[in-house]
Amino acid sequence: MCYAQSVFESLSETRLSKRRRVADTSDVEKLKCRHAGVIGLSACVLAFPYQVPDFMPNILMMLSRHVDDPQPIQVRLQLVVVVVVVVVVVVVAM
């Protein structure tokens, strides 16, 4: 695991409040930190579209924990899943 991956993992594990609506500035900052971690981990996945390096399953498992996160994070994960599925379909069709 590289240093950047460990930073993104720690950012993505930022705890959010149980409320679905963001109430104060500390909640907004926590959401931004978590979103930054998810974006970084997503970039690691998208950087290797035709390979599965040793660290990839761990990152995918970490990203799967964020499926029910609030909106900006959820949209990012949907995009990553769509791209990965399209790449798999293209590779299998070849």
C-alpha atoms as a PDB file:
ATOM      1  CA  MET A   1       0.000   0.000   0.000  1.00  0.00           C
ATOM      2  CA  CYS A   2       1.384   3.391  -0.918  1.00  0.00           C
ATOM      3  CA  TYR A   3       1.285   6.511   1.219  1.00  0.00           C
ATOM      4  CA  ALA A   4      -1.431   8.183  -0.862  1.00  0.00           C
ATOM      5  CA  GLN A   5      -3.694   5.161  -0.523  1.00  0.00           C
ATOM      6  CA  SER A   6      -3.350   5.194   3.267  1.00  0.00           C
ATOM      7  CA  VAL A   7      -4.177   8.924   3.348  1.00  0.00           C
ATOM      8  CA  PHE A   8      -7.291   8.391   1.215  1.00  0.00           C
ATOM      9  CA  GLU A   9      -8.356   5.446   3.375  1.00  0.00           C
ATOM     10  CA  SER A  10      -8.076   7.495   6.562  1.00  0.00           C
ATOM     11  CA  LEU A  11      -9.992  10.394   4.973  1.00  0.00           C
ATOM     12  CA  SER A  12     -12.749   8.083   3.761  1.00  0.00           C
ATOM     13  CA  GLU A  13     -13.215   6.749   7.297  1.00  0.00           C
ATOM     14  CA  THR A  14     -14.154  10.193   8.658  1.00  0.00           C
ATOM     15  CA  ARG A  15     -17.227   9.769  10.850  1.00  0.00           C
ATOM     16  CA  LEU A  16     -20.379  11.593   9.811  1.00  0.00           C
ATOM     17  CA  SER A  17     -23.299  12.414  12.065  1.00  0.00           C
ATOM     18  CA  LYS A  18     -26.306  10.094  11.916  1.00  0.00           C
ATOM     19  CA  ARG A  19     -28.561  12.879  10.658  1.00  0.00           C
ATOM     20  CA  ARG A  20     -29.236  12.770   6.951  1.00  0.00           C
ATOM     21  CA  ARG A  21     -29.127  16.557   6.628  1.00  0.00           C
ATOM     22  CA  VAL A  22     -25.902  18.465   7.174  1.00  0.00           C
ATOM     23  CA  ALA A  23     -26.557  20.812  10.070  1.00  0.00           C
ATOM     24  CA  ASP A  24     -23.449  22.827  10.924  1.00  0.00           C
ATOM     25  CA  THR A  25     -20.036  23.680   9.515  1.00  0.00           C
ATOM     26  CA  SER A  26     -18.269  20.840  11.308  1.00  0.00           C
ATOM     27  CA  ASP A  27     -20.602  18.373   9.545  1.00  0.00           C
ATOM     28  CA  VAL A  28     -19.798  20.030   6.217  1.00  0.00           C
ATOM     29  CA  GLU A  29     -16.058  19.746   6.854  1.00  0.00           C
ATOM     30  CA  LYS A  30     -16.379  16.085   7.816  1.00  0.00           C
ATOM     31  CA  LEU A  31     -18.381  15.430   4.659  1.00  0.00           C
ATOM     32  CA  LYS A  32     -15.707  17.157   2.570  1.00  0.00           C
ATOM     33  CA  CYS A  33     -12.962  15.038   4.154  1.00  0.00           C
ATOM     34  CA  ARG A  34     -14.883  11.832   3.576  1.00  0.00           C
ATOM     35  CA  HIS A  35     -15.685  12.851  -0.004  1.00  0.00           C
ATOM     36  CA  ALA A  36     -12.001  13.605  -0.647  1.00  0.00           C
ATOM     37  CA  GLY A  37     -11.077  10.133   0.570  1.00  0.00           C
ATOM     38  CA  VAL A  38     -13.675   8.486  -1.649  1.00  0.00           C
ATOM     39  CA  ILE A  39     -12.526  10.514  -4.662  1.00  0.00           C
ATOM     40  CA  GLY A  40      -8.923   9.495  -4.032  1.00  0.00           C
ATOM     41  CA  LEU A  41      -9.797   5.819  -3.707  1.00  0.00           C
ATOM     42  CA  SER A  42     -11.948   6.087  -6.837  1.00  0.00           C
ATOM     43  CA  ALA A  43      -8.967   7.528  -8.697  1.00  0.00           C
ATOM     44  CA  CYS A  44      -6.882   4.525  -7.643  1.00  0.00           C
ATOM     45  CA  VAL A  45      -9.525   2.203  -9.109  1.00  0.00           C
ATOM     46  CA  LEU A  46      -9.881   4.163 -12.340  1.00  0.00           C
ATOM     47  CA  ALA A  47      -6.105   4.407 -12.807  1.00  0.00           C
ATOM     48  CA  PHE A  48      -5.926   0.705 -13.710  1.00  0.00           C
ATOM     49  CA  PRO A  49      -8.856   0.042 -16.049  1.00  0.00           C
ATOM     50  CA  TYR A  50      -7.479  -3.173 -17.567  1.00  0.00           C
ATOM     51  CA  GLN A  51      -5.592  -4.617 -14.604  1.00  0.00           C
ATOM     52  CA  VAL A  52      -6.363  -5.781 -11.090  1.00  0.00           C
ATOM     53  CA  PRO A  53      -3.330  -4.955  -8.922  1.00  0.00           C
ATOM     54  CA  ASP A  54      -2.962  -6.583  -5.500  1.00  0.00           C
ATOM     55  CA  PHE A  55      -4.377  -3.553  -3.691  1.00  0.00           C
ATOM     56  CA  MET A  56      -7.519  -3.249  -5.827  1.00  0.00           C
ATOM     57  CA  PRO A  57      -9.836  -5.684  -3.956  1.00  0.00           C
ATOM     58  CA  ASN A  58      -9.125  -3.893  -0.678  1.00  0.00           C
ATOM     59  CA  ILE A  59      -9.978  -0.515  -2.212  1.00  0.00           C
ATOM     60  CA  LEU A  60     -13.188  -1.853  -3.750  1.00  0.00           C
ATOM     61  CA  MET A  61     -14.237  -3.241  -0.363  1.00  0.00           C
ATOM     62  CA  MET A  62     -13.545   0.122   1.259  1.00  0.00           C
ATOM     63  CA  LEU A  63     -15.583   1.913  -1.399  1.00  0.00           C
ATOM     64  CA  SER A  64     -18.474  -0.490  -0.916  1.00  0.00           C
ATOM     65  CA  ARG A  65     -18.868   0.808   2.655  1.00  0.00           C
ATOM     66  CA  HIS A  66     -19.836   4.213   1.250  1.00  0.00           C
ATOM     67  CA  VAL A  67     -22.765   3.191  -0.932  1.00  0.00           C
ATOM     68  CA  ASP A  68     -25.276   4.662   1.527  1.00  0.00           C
ATOM     69  CA  ASP A  69     -23.363   7.897   2.145  1.00  0.00           C
ATOM     70  CA  PRO A  70     -24.918  11.333   1.508  1.00  0.00           C
ATOM     71  CA  GLN A  71     -25.241  12.736  -1.994  1.00  0.00           C
ATOM     72  CA  PRO A  72     -21.922  13.889  -3.397  1.00  0.00           C
ATOM     73  CA  ILE A  73     -20.270  10.644  -2.277  1.00  0.00           C
ATOM     74  CA  GLN A  74     -23.040   8.399  -3.551  1.00  0.00           C
ATOM     75  CA  VAL A  75     -22.950   9.955  -7.026  1.00  0.00           C
ATOM     76  CA  ARG A  76     -19.174   9.458  -7.237  1.00  0.00           C
ATOM     77  CA  LEU A  77     -19.509   5.771  -6.404  1.00  0.00           C
ATOM     78  CA  GLN A  78     -22.219   5.269  -8.996  1.00  0.00           C
ATOM     79  CA  LEU A  79     -19.914   6.768 -11.621  1.00  0.00           C
ATOM     80  CA  VAL A  80     -17.033   4.480 -10.631  1.00  0.00           C
ATOM     81  CA  VAL A  81     -19.254   1.398 -10.721  1.00  0.00           C
ATOM     82  CA  VAL A  82     -20.592   2.281 -14.177  1.00  0.00           C
ATOM     83  CA  VAL A  83     -17.088   2.813 -15.567  1.00  0.00           C
ATOM     84  CA  VAL A  84     -15.788  -0.449 -14.087  1.00  0.00           C
ATOM     85  CA  VAL A  85     -18.749  -2.419 -15.450  1.00  0.00           C
ATOM     86  CA  VAL A  86     -18.341  -0.909 -18.930  1.00  0.00           C
ATOM     87  CA  VAL A  87     -14.633  -1.771 -18.969  1.00  0.00           C
ATOM     88  CA  VAL A  88     -15.347  -5.350 -17.869  1.00  0.00           C
ATOM     89  CA  VAL A  89     -17.980  -5.755 -20.602  1.00  0.00           C
ATOM     90  CA  VAL A  90     -15.610  -4.378 -23.256  1.00  0.00           C
ATOM     91  CA  VAL A  91     -12.754  -6.629 -22.140  1.00  0.00           C
ATOM     92  CA  VAL A  92     -14.956  -9.726 -22.040  1.00  0.00           C
ATOM     93  CA  ALA A  93     -16.365  -8.937 -25.495  1.00  0.00           C
ATOM     94  CA  MET A  94     -12.880  -8.803 -27.028  1.00  0.00           C
END
